Amino acid sequence: PASRLCGPARLCGSVVPPPLAPAGVMIPAIGEPPHPAGVDPEALLRSCEVSHTRGSGPGGQHRNKVSTAVVLKHTPTGISASASESRSQQQNHRAALRRLRL
């Protein structure tokens, strides 16, 4: 009998299953967009609509006239997150991105 050559995808005739995703990574169903938690931050920001609004509630004149509140909307899934706790737009942007990934 002729000898078999075994390649990396086969072990002498038996098929090796495909590798599993790392722990904590969700694999979306076919045709379904990935959840924002499974996407790296730079790619996530490229697929989001960012809007800046004015925060509401107590906080005085500065809070009422400066647009520091941030709303991120992940366009493929429609999930949105907002942050308006800080008077800094950069801090609110980081907080909204963190909330979007939850």
Protein backbone atom coordinates (compact mmCIF):
# COMPACT_ATOMS: atom_id res chain seq x y z
CA PRO A 1 0.00 0.00 0.00
CA ALA A 2 1.11 3.56 -0.71
CA SER A 3 1.98 5.70 2.29
CA ARG A 4 -0.16 8.79 3.07
CA LEU A 5 1.21 12.30 3.37
CA CYS A 6 -0.29 14.17 6.28
CA GLY A 7 -0.54 17.95 5.90
CA PRO A 8 -1.17 20.54 8.63
CA ALA A 9 -4.97 20.33 8.24
CA ARG A 10 -5.06 16.51 8.39
CA LEU A 11 -3.68 13.98 10.79
CA CYS A 12 -3.33 10.85 8.67
CA GLY A 13 -6.88 10.99 7.32
CA SER A 14 -8.66 12.57 10.30
CA VAL A 15 -9.85 16.16 9.98
CA VAL A 16 -8.71 18.65 12.62
CA PRO A 17 -11.51 20.99 13.78
CA PRO A 18 -11.00 24.73 13.18
CA PRO A 19 -9.45 26.67 16.06
CA LEU A 20 -11.85 28.13 18.61
CA ALA A 21 -12.08 31.84 19.34
CA PRO A 22 -10.15 33.10 22.37
CA ALA A 23 -12.04 33.23 25.64
CA GLY A 24 -14.38 36.20 25.86
CA VAL A 25 -14.59 36.81 22.09
CA MET A 26 -18.04 36.45 20.63
CA ILE A 27 -18.42 35.02 17.13
CA PRO A 28 -21.44 36.54 15.36
CA ALA A 29 -23.84 34.47 13.31
CA ILE A 30 -23.50 34.67 9.54
CA GLY A 31 -24.93 37.95 8.25
CA GLU A 32 -25.02 39.50 11.73
CA PRO A 33 -22.73 42.47 12.52
CA PRO A 34 -20.21 41.94 15.32
CA HIS A 35 -20.97 43.29 18.79
CA PRO A 36 -18.90 46.39 19.64
CA ALA A 37 -17.12 44.50 22.44
CA GLY A 38 -15.52 42.16 19.91
CA VAL A 39 -14.04 44.92 17.75
CA ASP A 40 -10.76 46.75 18.41
CA PRO A 41 -11.22 50.40 19.55
CA GLU A 42 -9.89 52.04 16.36
CA ALA A 43 -12.16 50.00 14.09
CA LEU A 44 -15.05 50.60 16.47
CA LEU A 45 -14.63 54.37 16.27
CA ARG A 46 -14.48 54.20 12.46
CA SER A 47 -17.87 52.45 12.42
CA CYS A 48 -19.53 54.88 14.86
CA GLU A 49 -21.37 58.14 14.46
CA VAL A 50 -20.15 60.66 17.04
CA SER A 51 -22.28 63.57 18.16
CA HIS A 52 -21.61 66.21 20.78
CA THR A 53 -24.48 67.74 22.70
CA ARG A 54 -24.99 69.94 25.71
CA GLY A 55 -25.38 68.24 29.05
CA SER A 56 -28.55 68.88 30.99
CA GLY A 57 -29.27 69.22 34.67
CA PRO A 58 -27.41 71.05 37.43
CA GLY A 59 -23.95 72.41 36.77
CA GLY A 60 -24.35 76.09 36.08
CA GLN A 61 -23.60 78.22 33.09
CA HIS A 62 -20.57 76.25 31.88
CA ARG A 63 -22.51 73.00 31.59
CA ASN A 64 -25.44 74.68 29.86
CA LYS A 65 -23.48 76.45 27.12
CA VAL A 66 -20.60 74.07 26.27
CA SER A 67 -21.17 70.89 24.21
CA THR A 68 -19.25 68.34 26.30
CA ALA A 69 -21.77 65.46 26.30
CA VAL A 70 -20.81 62.70 23.83
CA VAL A 71 -23.12 60.21 22.09
CA LEU A 72 -21.60 57.28 20.16
CA LYS A 73 -23.83 55.21 17.87
CA HIS A 74 -22.48 51.95 16.39
CA THR A 75 -24.06 52.10 12.94
CA PRO A 76 -23.92 48.35 12.06
CA THR A 77 -25.85 47.32 15.20
CA GLY A 78 -27.68 50.52 16.17
CA ILE A 79 -26.33 50.36 19.74
CA SER A 80 -25.66 53.78 21.26
CA ALA A 81 -23.93 55.00 24.42
CA SER A 82 -23.65 58.46 25.92
CA ALA A 83 -21.67 60.19 28.65
CA SER A 84 -22.07 63.65 30.13
CA GLU A 85 -20.68 63.32 33.67
CA SER A 86 -17.47 65.26 33.15
CA ARG A 87 -16.86 68.83 31.99
CA SER A 88 -14.19 67.41 29.67
CA GLN A 89 -15.27 66.23 26.23
CA GLN A 90 -12.30 63.83 26.01
CA GLN A 91 -13.21 62.14 29.31
CA ASN A 92 -16.83 61.81 28.20
CA HIS A 93 -15.68 60.35 24.87
CA ARG A 94 -13.64 57.66 26.67
CA ALA A 95 -16.55 56.90 29.02
CA ALA A 96 -19.02 56.56 26.12
CA LEU A 97 -16.62 54.25 24.25
CA ARG A 98 -16.22 52.10 27.38
CA ARG A 99 -20.02 51.90 27.77
CA LEU A 100 -20.48 51.00 24.12
CA ARG A 101 -18.14 48.02 24.52
CA LEU A 102 -20.09 46.57 27.49
